[in-house]
Amino acid sequence: MKKIINTSKAPSPIGPYSQAVLVGNTLYTSGQIAINPATNELVTSTIKEETKMVMENLNAVLEAADMNFSHVVKCSIFISNMNDFAQINEVYGSYFTSDFPARETVQVACLPKNLNVEISAVAIK
């Protein structure tokens, strides 16, 4: 049985999808982008600030499912410019202390709202 996860501490979906779906003890998050949920404004000042907002939004979704980054087993990172990889990776890495999840990083032609990074995760509790 699936349970829809929704929190006001992360941006509302901009399409027909849920922030996350919990099936048993496995959480599947939708991709998070850099929308500040308090203001509904895009965070695009720097790639590091954009990535931090993405990770904070992902954290809010994890917390809504009573999880945290230690439960994450897989991430998918979509970026618009592979030249930003090192800066994105630096911020992303600061949210994990050990036992890093599996992941892929893919450069794409365009992301929602013309942002530079989107990250989704699978977490197991």
PDB file of N, CA and C in Angstrom:
ATOM      1  N   MET A   1       0.836  -1.178   0.000  1.00  0.00           N
ATOM      2  CA  MET A   1       0.000   0.000   0.000  1.00  0.00           C
ATOM      3  C   MET A   1       0.884   1.246   0.000  1.00  0.00           C
ATOM      4  N   LYS A   2       0.518   2.235  -0.781  1.00  0.00           N
ATOM      5  CA  LYS A   2       1.333   3.439  -0.863  1.00  0.00           C
ATOM      6  C   LYS A   2       0.714   4.567  -0.054  1.00  0.00           C
ATOM      7  N   LYS A   3       1.599   5.437   0.453  1.00  0.00           N
ATOM      8  CA  LYS A   3       1.181   6.609   1.208  1.00  0.00           C
ATOM      9  C   LYS A   3       1.817   7.826   0.548  1.00  0.00           C
ATOM     10  N   ILE A   4       1.014   8.820   0.247  1.00  0.00           N
ATOM     11  CA  ILE A   4       1.513  10.054  -0.359  1.00  0.00           C
ATOM     12  C   ILE A   4       2.107  10.929   0.748  1.00  0.00           C
ATOM     13  N   ILE A   5       3.315  11.416   0.509  1.00  0.00           N
ATOM     14  CA  ILE A   5       4.000  12.297   1.454  1.00  0.00           C
ATOM     15  C   ILE A   5       3.915  13.723   0.923  1.00  0.00           C
ATOM     16  N   ASN A   6       3.492  14.626   1.780  1.00  0.00           N
ATOM     17  CA  ASN A   6       3.369  16.027   1.389  1.00  0.00           C
ATOM     18  C   ASN A   6       3.736  16.904   2.584  1.00  0.00           C
ATOM     19  N   THR A   7       4.501  17.946   2.339  1.00  0.00           N
ATOM     20  CA  THR A   7       4.870  18.884   3.385  1.00  0.00           C
ATOM     21  C   THR A   7       4.883  20.302   2.840  1.00  0.00           C
ATOM     22  N   SER A   8       4.487  21.243   3.661  1.00  0.00           N
ATOM     23  CA  SER A   8       4.544  22.654   3.265  1.00  0.00           C
ATOM     24  C   SER A   8       5.965  23.194   3.382  1.00  0.00           C
ATOM     25  N   LYS A   9       6.887  22.385   3.929  1.00  0.00           N
ATOM     26  CA  LYS A   9       8.278  22.811   4.087  1.00  0.00           C
ATOM     27  C   LYS A   9       9.109  22.575   2.827  1.00  0.00           C
ATOM     28  N   ALA A  10       8.465  22.050   1.790  1.00  0.00           N
ATOM     29  CA  ALA A  10       9.093  21.879   0.474  1.00  0.00           C
ATOM     30  C   ALA A  10       8.124  22.463  -0.553  1.00  0.00           C
ATOM     31  N   PRO A  11       8.617  22.804  -1.736  1.00  0.00           N
ATOM     32  CA  PRO A  11       7.730  23.404  -2.736  1.00  0.00           C
ATOM     33  C   PRO A  11       6.585  22.464  -3.117  1.00  0.00           C
ATOM     34  N   SER A  12       5.435  23.059  -3.361  1.00  0.00           N
ATOM     35  CA  SER A  12       4.299  22.284  -3.859  1.00  0.00           C
ATOM     36  C   SER A  12       4.621  21.786  -5.258  1.00  0.00           C
ATOM     37  N   PRO A  13       4.141  20.610  -5.616  1.00  0.00           N
ATOM     38  CA  PRO A  13       4.370  20.108  -6.978  1.00  0.00           C
ATOM     39  C   PRO A  13       3.848  21.092  -8.026  1.00  0.00           C
ATOM     40  N   ILE A  14       4.569  21.182  -9.137  1.00  0.00           N
ATOM     41  CA  ILE A  14       4.173  22.075 -10.216  1.00  0.00           C
ATOM     42  C   ILE A  14       3.524  21.287 -11.352  1.00  0.00           C
ATOM     43  N   GLY A  15       3.100  20.078 -11.043  1.00  0.00           N
ATOM     44  CA  GLY A  15       2.448  19.214 -12.025  1.00  0.00           C
ATOM     45  C   GLY A  15       1.708  18.100 -11.320  1.00  0.00           C
ATOM     46  N   PRO A  16       1.241  17.122 -12.082  1.00  0.00           N
ATOM     47  CA  PRO A  16       0.475  16.016 -11.502  1.00  0.00           C
ATOM     48  C   PRO A  16       1.383  14.934 -10.900  1.00  0.00           C
ATOM     49  N   TYR A  17       2.008  15.251  -9.790  1.00  0.00           N
ATOM     50  CA  TYR A  17       2.859  14.300  -9.076  1.00  0.00           C
ATOM     51  C   TYR A  17       2.872  14.663  -7.596  1.00  0.00           C
ATOM     52  N   SER A  18       3.375  13.755  -6.778  1.00  0.00           N
ATOM     53  CA  SER A  18       3.485  13.968  -5.336  1.00  0.00           C
ATOM     54  C   SER A  18       4.923  14.307  -4.987  1.00  0.00           C
ATOM     55  N   GLN A  19       5.124  14.966  -3.852  1.00  0.00           N
ATOM     56  CA  GLN A  19       6.492  15.237  -3.396  1.00  0.00           C
ATOM     57  C   GLN A  19       7.235  13.932  -3.167  1.00  0.00           C
ATOM     58  N   ALA A  20       6.524  12.936  -2.644  1.00  0.00           N
ATOM     59  CA  ALA A  20       7.123  11.620  -2.428  1.00  0.00           C
ATOM     60  C   ALA A  20       6.015  10.600  -2.228  1.00  0.00           C
ATOM     61  N   VAL A  21       6.392   9.337  -2.437  1.00  0.00           N
ATOM     62  CA  VAL A  21       5.479   8.224  -2.197  1.00  0.00           C
ATOM     63  C   VAL A  21       6.214   7.215  -1.331  1.00  0.00           C
ATOM     64  N   LEU A  22       5.576   6.823  -0.233  1.00  0.00           N
ATOM     65  CA  LEU A  22       6.126   5.820   0.677  1.00  0.00           C
ATOM     66  C   LEU A  22       5.419   4.503   0.407  1.00  0.00           C
ATOM     67  N   VAL A  23       6.208   3.476   0.101  1.00  0.00           N
ATOM     68  CA  VAL A  23       5.679   2.137  -0.114  1.00  0.00           C
ATOM     69  C   VAL A  23       6.398   1.224   0.865  1.00  0.00           C
ATOM     70  N   GLY A  24       5.676   0.732   1.866  1.00  0.00           N
ATOM     71  CA  GLY A  24       6.327  -0.052   2.909  1.00  0.00           C
ATOM     72  C   GLY A  24       7.326   0.833   3.628  1.00  0.00           C
ATOM     73  N   ASN A  25       8.587   0.420   3.607  1.00  0.00           N
ATOM     74  CA  ASN A  25       9.629   1.216   4.265  1.00  0.00           C
ATOM     75  C   ASN A  25      10.521   1.945   3.253  1.00  0.00           C
ATOM     76  N   THR A  26      10.064   2.023   1.998  1.00  0.00           N
ATOM     77  CA  THR A  26      10.843   2.664   0.940  1.00  0.00           C
ATOM     78  C   THR A  26      10.159   3.947   0.482  1.00  0.00           C
ATOM     79  N   LEU A  27      10.932   5.031   0.461  1.00  0.00           N
ATOM     80  CA  LEU A  27      10.441   6.332   0.043  1.00  0.00           C
ATOM     81  C   LEU A  27      11.029   6.688  -1.317  1.00  0.00           C
ATOM     82  N   TYR A  28      10.168   7.091  -2.227  1.00  0.00           N
ATOM     83  CA  TYR A  28      10.569   7.551  -3.549  1.00  0.00           C
ATOM     84  C   TYR A  28      10.229   9.035  -3.634  1.00  0.00           C
ATOM     85  N   THR A  29      11.244   9.888  -3.708  1.00  0.00           N
ATOM     86  CA  THR A  29      10.969  11.319  -3.786  1.00  0.00           C
ATOM     87  C   THR A  29      10.931  11.767  -5.234  1.00  0.00           C
ATOM     88  N   SER A  30      10.131  12.776  -5.479  1.00  0.00           N
ATOM     89  CA  SER A  30      10.171  13.440  -6.773  1.00  0.00           C
ATOM     90  C   SER A  30      11.391  14.349  -6.786  1.00  0.00           C
ATOM     91  N   GLY A  31      11.809  14.738  -7.969  1.00  0.00           N
ATOM     92  CA  GLY A  31      12.938  15.653  -8.075  1.00  0.00           C
ATOM     93  C   GLY A  31      12.629  16.977  -7.409  1.00  0.00           C
ATOM     94  N   GLN A  32      13.571  17.462  -6.642  1.00  0.00           N
ATOM     95  CA  GLN A  32      13.430  18.752  -5.968  1.00  0.00           C
ATOM     96  C   GLN A  32      14.253  19.787  -6.710  1.00  0.00           C
ATOM     97  N   ILE A  33      13.670  20.976  -6.823  1.00  0.00           N
ATOM     98  CA  ILE A  33      14.363  22.088  -7.456  1.00  0.00           C
ATOM     99  C   ILE A  33      14.462  23.236  -6.456  1.00  0.00           C
ATOM    100  N   ALA A  34      15.121  24.309  -6.863  1.00  0.00           N
ATOM    101  CA  ALA A  34      15.432  25.405  -5.941  1.00  0.00           C
ATOM    102  C   ALA A  34      14.319  26.443  -5.884  1.00  0.00           C
ATOM    103  N   ILE A  35      13.199  26.028  -5.322  1.00  0.00           N
ATOM    104  CA  ILE A  35      12.118  26.964  -5.016  1.00  0.00           C
ATOM    105  C   ILE A  35      12.074  27.072  -3.502  1.00  0.00           C
ATOM    106  N   ASN A  36      12.151  28.295  -3.002  1.00  0.00           N
ATOM    107  CA  ASN A  36      12.043  28.515  -1.563  1.00  0.00           C
ATOM    108  C   ASN A  36      10.566  28.333  -1.191  1.00  0.00           C
ATOM    109  N   PRO A  37      10.231  27.313  -0.384  1.00  0.00           N
ATOM    110  CA  PRO A  37       8.824  27.063  -0.079  1.00  0.00           C
ATOM    111  C   PRO A  37       8.163  28.169   0.743  1.00  0.00           C
ATOM    112  N   ALA A  38       8.938  28.959   1.446  1.00  0.00           N
ATOM    113  CA  ALA A  38       8.372  30.045   2.257  1.00  0.00           C
ATOM    114  C   ALA A  38       7.928  31.226   1.401  1.00  0.00           C
ATOM    115  N   THR A  39       8.636  31.442   0.287  1.00  0.00           N
ATOM    116  CA  THR A  39       8.342  32.606  -0.552  1.00  0.00           C
ATOM    117  C   THR A  39       7.848  32.232  -1.947  1.00  0.00           C
ATOM    118  N   ASN A  40       8.018  30.968  -2.319  1.00  0.00           N
ATOM    119  CA  ASN A  40       7.698  30.467  -3.660  1.00  0.00           C
ATOM    120  C   ASN A  40       8.576  31.117  -4.733  1.00  0.00           C
ATOM    121  N   GLU A  41       9.722  31.670  -4.311  1.00  0.00           N
ATOM    122  CA  GLU A  41      10.662  32.300  -5.234  1.00  0.00           C
ATOM    123  C   GLU A  41      11.770  31.320  -5.609  1.00  0.00           C
ATOM    124  N   LEU A  42      12.309  31.478  -6.815  1.00  0.00           N
ATOM    125  CA  LEU A  42      13.448  30.672  -7.251  1.00  0.00           C
ATOM    126  C   LEU A  42      14.704  31.156  -6.546  1.00  0.00           C
ATOM    127  N   VAL A  43      15.594  30.214  -6.208  1.00  0.00           N
ATOM    128  CA  VAL A  43      16.878  30.543  -5.597  1.00  0.00           C
ATOM    129  C   VAL A  43      17.947  30.264  -6.655  1.00  0.00           C
ATOM    130  N   THR A  44      18.464  31.330  -7.246  1.00  0.00           N
ATOM    131  CA  THR A  44      19.405  31.170  -8.364  1.00  0.00           C
ATOM    132  C   THR A  44      20.631  32.069  -8.253  1.00  0.00           C
ATOM    133  N   SER A  45      20.903  32.614  -7.068  1.00  0.00           N
ATOM    134  CA  SER A  45      22.012  33.561  -6.926  1.00  0.00           C
ATOM    135  C   SER A  45      23.350  32.942  -7.323  1.00  0.00           C
ATOM    136  N   THR A  46      23.625  31.723  -6.859  1.00  0.00           N
ATOM    137  CA  THR A  46      24.825  30.976  -7.257  1.00  0.00           C
ATOM    138  C   THR A  46      24.447  29.510  -7.368  1.00  0.00           C
ATOM    139  N   ILE A  47      25.259  28.744  -8.049  1.00  0.00           N
ATOM    140  CA  ILE A  47      24.962  27.314  -8.182  1.00  0.00           C
ATOM    141  C   ILE A  47      25.022  26.629  -6.816  1.00  0.00           C
ATOM    142  N   LYS A  48      25.888  27.097  -5.933  1.00  0.00           N
ATOM    143  CA  LYS A  48      25.953  26.510  -4.586  1.00  0.00           C
ATOM    144  C   LYS A  48      24.682  26.816  -3.796  1.00  0.00           C
ATOM    145  N   GLU A  49      24.191  28.044  -3.866  1.00  0.00           N
ATOM    146  CA  GLU A  49      22.952  28.401  -3.165  1.00  0.00           C
ATOM    147  C   GLU A  49      21.762  27.649  -3.756  1.00  0.00           C
ATOM    148  N   GLU A  50      21.759  27.502  -5.056  1.00  0.00           N
ATOM    149  CA  GLU A  50      20.684  26.754  -5.710  1.00  0.00           C
ATOM    150  C   GLU A  50      20.699  25.299  -5.244  1.00  0.00           C
ATOM    151  N   THR A  51      21.872  24.691  -5.224  1.00  0.00           N
ATOM    152  CA  THR A  51      21.998  23.299  -4.786  1.00  0.00           C
ATOM    153  C   THR A  51      21.618  23.157  -3.324  1.00  0.00           C
ATOM    154  N   LYS A  52      22.016  24.114  -2.488  1.00  0.00           N
ATOM    155  CA  LYS A  52      21.652  24.058  -1.067  1.00  0.00           C
ATOM    156  C   LYS A  52      20.137  24.079  -0.902  1.00  0.00           C
ATOM    157  N   MET A  53      19.442  24.924  -1.665  1.00  0.00           N
ATOM    158  CA  MET A  53      17.984  24.980  -1.574  1.00  0.00           C
ATOM    159  C   MET A  53      17.365  23.658  -2.006  1.00  0.00           C
ATOM    160  N   VAL A  54      17.904  23.062  -3.050  1.00  0.00           N
ATOM    161  CA  VAL A  54      17.432  21.751  -3.505  1.00  0.00           C
ATOM    162  C   VAL A  54      17.590  20.720  -2.385  1.00  0.00           C
ATOM    163  N   MET A  55      18.755  20.707  -1.765  1.00  0.00           N
ATOM    164  CA  MET A  55      19.014  19.727  -0.704  1.00  0.00           C
ATOM    165  C   MET A  55      18.141  19.986   0.523  1.00  0.00           C
ATOM    166  N   GLU A  56      17.890  21.252   0.836  1.00  0.00           N
ATOM    167  CA  GLU A  56      17.004  21.574   1.965  1.00  0.00           C
ATOM    168  C   GLU A  56      15.571  21.127   1.659  1.00  0.00           C
ATOM    169  N   ASN A  57      15.147  21.291   0.420  1.00  0.00           N
ATOM    170  CA  ASN A  57      13.816  20.821   0.035  1.00  0.00           C
ATOM    171  C   ASN A  57      13.734  19.303   0.104  1.00  0.00           C
ATOM    172  N   LEU A  58      14.776  18.639  -0.346  1.00  0.00           N
ATOM    173  CA  LEU A  58      14.819  17.181  -0.252  1.00  0.00           C
ATOM    174  C   LEU A  58      14.791  16.739   1.210  1.00  0.00           C
ATOM    175  N   ASN A  59      15.534  17.433   2.050  1.00  0.00           N
ATOM    176  CA  ASN A  59      15.544  17.137   3.482  1.00  0.00           C
ATOM    177  C   ASN A  59      14.139  17.277   4.082  1.00  0.00           C
ATOM    178  N   ALA A  60      13.413  18.307   3.692  1.00  0.00           N
ATOM    179  CA  ALA A  60      12.058  18.517   4.209  1.00  0.00           C
ATOM    180  C   ALA A  60      11.134  17.367   3.827  1.00  0.00           C
ATOM    181  N   VAL A  61      11.282  16.869   2.611  1.00  0.00           N
ATOM    182  CA  VAL A  61      10.461  15.736   2.170  1.00  0.00           C
ATOM    183  C   VAL A  61      10.846  14.479   2.949  1.00  0.00           C
ATOM    184  N   LEU A  62      12.137  14.262   3.136  1.00  0.00           N
ATOM    185  CA  LEU A  62      12.581  13.111   3.935  1.00  0.00           C
ATOM    186  C   LEU A  62      12.019  13.193   5.356  1.00  0.00           C
ATOM    187  N   GLU A  63      12.121  14.372   5.972  1.00  0.00           N
ATOM    188  CA  GLU A  63      11.623  14.549   7.339  1.00  0.00           C
ATOM    189  C   GLU A  63      10.116  14.316   7.428  1.00  0.00           C
ATOM    190  N   ALA A  64       9.376  14.692   6.384  1.00  0.00           N
ATOM    191  CA  ALA A  64       7.927  14.479   6.376  1.00  0.00           C
ATOM    192  C   ALA A  64       7.584  12.988   6.400  1.00  0.00           C
ATOM    193  N   ALA A  65       8.530  12.171   5.947  1.00  0.00           N
ATOM    194  CA  ALA A  65       8.354  10.718   5.974  1.00  0.00           C
ATOM    195  C   ALA A  65       9.084  10.097   7.162  1.00  0.00           C
ATOM    196  N   ASP A  66       9.511  10.943   8.128  1.00  0.00           N
ATOM    197  CA  ASP A  66      10.236  10.491   9.311  1.00  0.00           C
ATOM    198  C   ASP A  66      11.559   9.814   8.937  1.00  0.00           C
ATOM    199  N   MET A  67      12.250  10.416   7.958  1.00  0.00           N
ATOM    200  CA  MET A  67      13.549   9.925   7.510  1.00  0.00           C
ATOM    201  C   MET A  67      14.521  11.091   7.449  1.00  0.00           C
ATOM    202  N   ASN A  68      15.788  10.756   7.140  1.00  0.00           N
ATOM    203  CA  ASN A  68      16.821  11.769   6.939  1.00  0.00           C
ATOM    204  C   ASN A  68      17.816  11.241   5.913  1.00  0.00           C
ATOM    205  N   PHE A  69      18.875  11.990   5.680  1.00  0.00           N
ATOM    206  CA  PHE A  69      19.830  11.605   4.636  1.00  0.00           C
ATOM    207  C   PHE A  69      20.536  10.277   4.911  1.00  0.00           C
ATOM    208  N   SER A  70      20.571   9.836   6.162  1.00  0.00           N
ATOM    209  CA  SER A  70      21.195   8.532   6.450  1.00  0.00           C
ATOM    210  C   SER A  70      20.373   7.385   5.881  1.00  0.00           C
ATOM    211  N   HIS A  71      19.111   7.627   5.546  1.00  0.00           N
ATOM    212  CA  HIS A  71      18.244   6.591   4.988  1.00  0.00           C
ATOM    213  C   HIS A  71      18.321   6.524   3.456  1.00  0.00           C
ATOM    214  N   VAL A  72      18.959   7.508   2.840  1.00  0.00           N
ATOM    215  CA  VAL A  72      19.006   7.579   1.375  1.00  0.00           C
ATOM    216  C   VAL A  72      19.952   6.517   0.819  1.00  0.00           C
ATOM    217  N   VAL A  73      19.440   5.726  -0.126  1.00  0.00           N
ATOM    218  CA  VAL A  73      20.247   4.681  -0.759  1.00  0.00           C
ATOM    219  C   VAL A  73      20.590   5.009  -2.207  1.00  0.00           C
ATOM    220  N   LYS A  74      19.861   5.954  -2.812  1.00  0.00           N
ATOM    221  CA  LYS A  74      20.111   6.277  -4.219  1.00  0.00           C
ATOM    222  C   LYS A  74      19.655   7.697  -4.505  1.00  0.00           C
ATOM    223  N   CYS A  75      20.459   8.450  -5.225  1.00  0.00           N
ATOM    224  CA  CYS A  75      20.089   9.790  -5.687  1.00  0.00           C
ATOM    225  C   CYS A  75      20.283   9.875  -7.193  1.00  0.00           C
ATOM    226  N   SER A  76      19.469  10.674  -7.799  1.00  0.00           N
ATOM    227  CA  SER A  76      19.630  11.022  -9.208  1.00  0.00           C
ATOM    228  C   SER A  76      19.788  12.535  -9.265  1.00  0.00           C
ATOM    229  N   ILE A  77      20.860  12.978  -9.902  1.00  0.00           N
ATOM    230  CA  ILE A  77      21.139  14.406 -10.030  1.00  0.00           C
ATOM    231  C   ILE A  77      21.089  14.766 -11.507  1.00  0.00           C
ATOM    232  N   PHE A  78      20.282  15.760 -11.809  1.00  0.00           N
ATOM    233  CA  PHE A  78      20.164  16.267 -13.164  1.00  0.00           C
ATOM    234  C   PHE A  78      20.673  17.699 -13.158  1.00  0.00           C
ATOM    235  N   ILE A  79      21.629  17.983 -14.040  1.00  0.00           N
ATOM    236  CA  ILE A  79      22.212  19.321 -14.084  1.00  0.00           C
ATOM    237  C   ILE A  79      22.198  19.837 -15.526  1.00  0.00           C
ATOM    238  N   SER A  80      22.127  21.147 -15.645  1.00  0.00           N
ATOM    239  CA  SER A  80      22.076  21.741 -16.984  1.00  0.00           C
ATOM    240  C   SER A  80      23.465  22.005 -17.560  1.00  0.00           C
ATOM    241  N   ASN A  81      24.495  21.999 -16.692  1.00  0.00           N
ATOM    242  CA  ASN A  81      25.847  22.288 -17.159  1.00  0.00           C
ATOM    243  C   ASN A  81      26.846  21.458 -16.353  1.00  0.00           C
ATOM    244  N   MET A  82      27.487  20.521 -17.007  1.00  0.00           N
ATOM    245  CA  MET A  82      28.437  19.643 -16.314  1.00  0.00           C
ATOM    246  C   MET A  82      29.601  20.431 -15.718  1.00  0.00           C
ATOM    247  N   ASN A  83      29.842  21.649 -16.182  1.00  0.00           N
ATOM    248  CA  ASN A  83      30.896  22.476 -15.595  1.00  0.00           C
ATOM    249  C   ASN A  83      30.569  22.888 -14.160  1.00  0.00           C
ATOM    250  N   ASP A  84      29.308  22.764 -13.761  1.00  0.00           N
ATOM    251  CA  ASP A  84      28.897  23.078 -12.386  1.00  0.00           C
ATOM    252  C   ASP A  84      29.033  21.878 -11.454  1.00  0.00           C
ATOM    253  N   PHE A  85      29.443  20.736 -11.992  1.00  0.00           N
ATOM    254  CA  PHE A  85      29.464  19.492 -11.220  1.00  0.00           C
ATOM    255  C   PHE A  85      30.239  19.612  -9.912  1.00  0.00           C
ATOM    256  N   ALA A  86      31.429  20.179  -9.928  1.00  0.00           N
ATOM    257  CA  ALA A  86      32.259  20.238  -8.717  1.00  0.00           C
ATOM    258  C   ALA A  86      31.577  21.030  -7.607  1.00  0.00           C
ATOM    259  N   GLN A  87      30.976  22.165  -7.945  1.00  0.00           N
ATOM    260  CA  GLN A  87      30.304  22.975  -6.932  1.00  0.00           C
ATOM    261  C   GLN A  87      29.039  22.290  -6.404  1.00  0.00           C
ATOM    262  N   ILE A  88      28.285  21.677  -7.301  1.00  0.00           N
ATOM    263  CA  ILE A  88      27.088  20.925  -6.893  1.00  0.00           C
ATOM    264  C   ILE A  88      27.503  19.773  -5.988  1.00  0.00           C
ATOM    265  N   ASN A  89      28.533  19.053  -6.386  1.00  0.00           N
ATOM    266  CA  ASN A  89      29.020  17.903  -5.626  1.00  0.00           C
ATOM    267  C   ASN A  89      29.485  18.309  -4.230  1.00  0.00           C
ATOM    268  N   GLU A  90      30.119  19.473  -4.117  1.00  0.00           N
ATOM    269  CA  GLU A  90      30.592  19.954  -2.818  1.00  0.00           C
ATOM    270  C   GLU A  90      29.418  20.166  -1.855  1.00  0.00           C
ATOM    271  N   VAL A  91      28.384  20.826  -2.332  1.00  0.00           N
ATOM    272  CA  VAL A  91      27.206  21.067  -1.486  1.00  0.00           C
ATOM    273  C   VAL A  91      26.493  19.752  -1.200  1.00  0.00           C
ATOM    274  N   TYR A  92      26.244  18.964  -2.226  1.00  0.00           N
ATOM    275  CA  TYR A  92      25.576  17.663  -2.082  1.00  0.00           C
ATOM    276  C   TYR A  92      26.302  16.809  -1.040  1.00  0.00           C
ATOM    277  N   GLY A  93      27.616  16.728  -1.144  1.00  0.00           N
ATOM    278  CA  GLY A  93      28.416  15.896  -0.245  1.00  0.00           C
ATOM    279  C   GLY A  93      28.347  16.329   1.204  1.00  0.00           C
ATOM    280  N   SER A  94      28.063  17.594   1.446  1.00  0.00           N
ATOM    281  CA  SER A  94      28.000  18.083   2.828  1.00  0.00           C
ATOM    282  C   SER A  94      26.768  17.568   3.569  1.00  0.00           C
ATOM    283  N   TYR A  95      25.815  16.993   2.870  1.00  0.00           N
ATOM    284  CA  TYR A  95      24.602  16.459   3.498  1.00  0.00           C
ATOM    285  C   TYR A  95      24.731  14.986   3.869  1.00  0.00           C
ATOM    286  N   PHE A  96      25.819  14.360   3.468  1.00  0.00           N
ATOM    287  CA  PHE A  96      26.051  12.949   3.780  1.00  0.00           C
ATOM    288  C   PHE A  96      27.354  12.837   4.552  1.00  0.00           C
ATOM    289  N   THR A  97      27.351  12.062   5.644  1.00  0.00           N
ATOM    290  CA  THR A  97      28.557  11.950   6.463  1.00  0.00           C
ATOM    291  C   THR A  97      29.344  10.672   6.185  1.00  0.00           C
ATOM    292  N   SER A  98      28.664   9.611   5.858  1.00  0.00           N
ATOM    293  CA  SER A  98      29.334   8.349   5.533  1.00  0.00           C
ATOM    294  C   SER A  98      28.325   7.451   4.834  1.00  0.00           C
ATOM    295  N   ASP A  99      28.767   6.286   4.436  1.00  0.00           N
ATOM    296  CA  ASP A  99      27.880   5.357   3.735  1.00  0.00           C
ATOM    297  C   ASP A  99      27.087   6.078   2.647  1.00  0.00           C
ATOM    298  N   PHE A 100      27.825   6.707   1.745  1.00  0.00           N
ATOM    299  CA  PHE A 100      27.216   7.508   0.702  1.00  0.00           C
ATOM    300  C   PHE A 100      26.275   6.673  -0.165  1.00  0.00           C
ATOM    301  N   PRO A 101      25.172   7.266  -0.615  1.00  0.00           N
ATOM    302  CA  PRO A 101      24.239   6.525  -1.470  1.00  0.00           C
ATOM    303  C   PRO A 101      24.816   6.338  -2.874  1.00  0.00           C
ATOM    304  N   ALA A 102      24.239   5.382  -3.592  1.00  0.00           N
ATOM    305  CA  ALA A 102      24.538   5.259  -5.012  1.00  0.00           C
ATOM    306  C   ALA A 102      23.937   6.479  -5.703  1.00  0.00           C
ATOM    307  N   ARG A 103      24.451   6.823  -6.885  1.00  0.00           N
ATOM    308  CA  ARG A 103      23.864   7.956  -7.594  1.00  0.00           C
ATOM    309  C   ARG A 103      24.336   7.995  -9.031  1.00  0.00           C
ATOM    310  N   GLU A 104      23.608   8.767  -9.804  1.00  0.00           N
ATOM    311  CA  GLU A 104      24.067   9.134 -11.131  1.00  0.00           C
ATOM    312  C   GLU A 104      23.894  10.633 -11.277  1.00  0.00           C
ATOM    313  N   THR A 105      24.738  11.218 -12.097  1.00  0.00           N
ATOM    314  CA  THR A 105      24.638  12.636 -12.412  1.00  0.00           C
ATOM    315  C   THR A 105      24.583  12.743 -13.921  1.00  0.00           C
ATOM    316  N   VAL A 106      23.536  13.401 -14.411  1.00  0.00           N
ATOM    317  CA  VAL A 106      23.296  13.473 -15.845  1.00  0.00           C
ATOM    318  C   VAL A 106      23.104  14.926 -16.255  1.00  0.00           C
ATOM    319  N   GLN A 107      23.790  15.328 -17.313  1.00  0.00           N
ATOM    320  CA  GLN A 107      23.548  16.657 -17.873  1.00  0.00           C
ATOM    321  C   GLN A 107      22.344  16.560 -18.797  1.00  0.00           C
ATOM    322  N   VAL A 108      21.426  17.506 -18.641  1.00  0.00           N
ATOM    323  CA  VAL A 108      20.206  17.527 -19.449  1.00  0.00           C
ATOM    324  C   VAL A 108      20.112  18.856 -20.191  1.00  0.00           C
ATOM    325  N   ALA A 109      19.268  18.886 -21.212  1.00  0.00           N
ATOM    326  CA  ALA A 109      19.128  20.097 -22.021  1.00  0.00           C
ATOM    327  C   ALA A 109      18.410  21.213 -21.272  1.00  0.00           C
ATOM    328  N   CYS A 110      17.427  20.853 -20.452  1.00  0.00           N
ATOM    329  CA  CYS A 110      16.657  21.873 -19.754  1.00  0.00           C
ATOM    330  C   CYS A 110      15.975  21.243 -18.542  1.00  0.00           C
ATOM    331  N   LEU A 111      15.848  22.024 -17.474  1.00  0.00           N
ATOM    332  CA  LEU A 111      15.164  21.582 -16.258  1.00  0.00           C
ATOM    333  C   LEU A 111      13.954  22.482 -16.011  1.00  0.00           C
ATOM    334  N   PRO A 112      13.011  22.031 -15.173  1.00  0.00           N
ATOM    335  CA  PRO A 112      11.849  22.864 -14.879  1.00  0.00           C
ATOM    336  C   PRO A 112      12.253  24.274 -14.444  1.00  0.00           C
ATOM    337  N   LYS A 113      11.510  25.252 -14.926  1.00  0.00           N
ATOM    338  CA  LYS A 113      11.716  26.668 -14.599  1.00  0.00           C
ATOM    339  C   LYS A 113      13.112  27.155 -14.993  1.00  0.00           C
ATOM    340  N   ASN A 114      13.757  26.435 -15.917  1.00  0.00           N
ATOM    341  CA  ASN A 114      15.097  26.770 -16.414  1.00  0.00           C
ATOM    342  C   ASN A 114      16.144  26.819 -15.302  1.00  0.00           C
ATOM    343  N   LEU A 115      15.965  25.994 -14.283  1.00  0.00           N
ATOM    344  CA  LEU A 115      16.936  25.927 -13.192  1.00  0.00           C
ATOM    345  C   LEU A 115      18.130  25.081 -13.602  1.00  0.00           C
ATOM    346  N   ASN A 116      19.123  24.994 -12.726  1.00  0.00           N
ATOM    347  CA  ASN A 116      20.390  24.350 -13.065  1.00  0.00           C
ATOM    348  C   ASN A 116      20.589  22.980 -12.455  1.00  0.00           C
ATOM    349  N   VAL A 117      19.792  22.629 -11.435  1.00  0.00           N
ATOM    350  CA  VAL A 117      19.983  21.346 -10.766  1.00  0.00           C
ATOM    351  C   VAL A 117      18.651  20.844 -10.213  1.00  0.00           C
ATOM    352  N   GLU A 118      18.455  19.529 -10.324  1.00  0.00           N
ATOM    353  CA  GLU A 118      17.296  18.846  -9.759  1.00  0.00           C
ATOM    354  C   GLU A 118      17.799  17.524  -9.186  1.00  0.00           C
ATOM    355  N   ILE A 119      17.335  17.187  -7.976  1.00  0.00           N
ATOM    356  CA  ILE A 119      17.793  15.976  -7.312  1.00  0.00           C
ATOM    357  C   ILE A 119      16.599  15.202  -6.763  1.00  0.00           C
ATOM    358  N   SER A 120      16.582  13.901  -7.015  1.00  0.00           N
ATOM    359  CA  SER A 120      15.590  13.005  -6.430  1.00  0.00           C
ATOM    360  C   SER A 120      16.320  11.926  -5.644  1.00  0.00           C
ATOM    361  N   ALA A 121      15.571  11.223  -4.791  1.00  0.00           N
ATOM    362  CA  ALA A 121      16.199  10.210  -3.941  1.00  0.00           C
ATOM    363  C   ALA A 121      15.264   9.039  -3.694  1.00  0.00           C
ATOM    364  N   VAL A 122      15.882   7.930  -3.354  1.00  0.00           N
ATOM    365  CA  VAL A 122      15.175   6.756  -2.831  1.00  0.00           C
ATOM    366  C   VAL A 122      15.767   6.517  -1.453  1.00  0.00           C
ATOM    367  N   ALA A 123      14.905   6.378  -0.457  1.00  0.00           N
ATOM    368  CA  ALA A 123      15.360   6.169   0.911  1.00  0.00           C
ATOM    369  C   ALA A 123      14.634   4.959   1.510  1.00  0.00           C
ATOM    370  N   ILE A 124      15.339   4.239   2.381  1.00  0.00           N
ATOM    371  CA  ILE A 124      14.764   3.061   3.027  1.00  0.00           C
ATOM    372  C   ILE A 124      14.979   3.181   4.528  1.00  0.00           C
ATOM    373  N   LYS A 125      13.930   2.897   5.276  1.00  0.00           N
ATOM    374  CA  LYS A 125      14.008   2.964   6.733  1.00  0.00           C
ATOM    375  C   LYS A 125      13.903   1.569   7.327  1.00  0.00           C
TER     376      LYS A 125
END
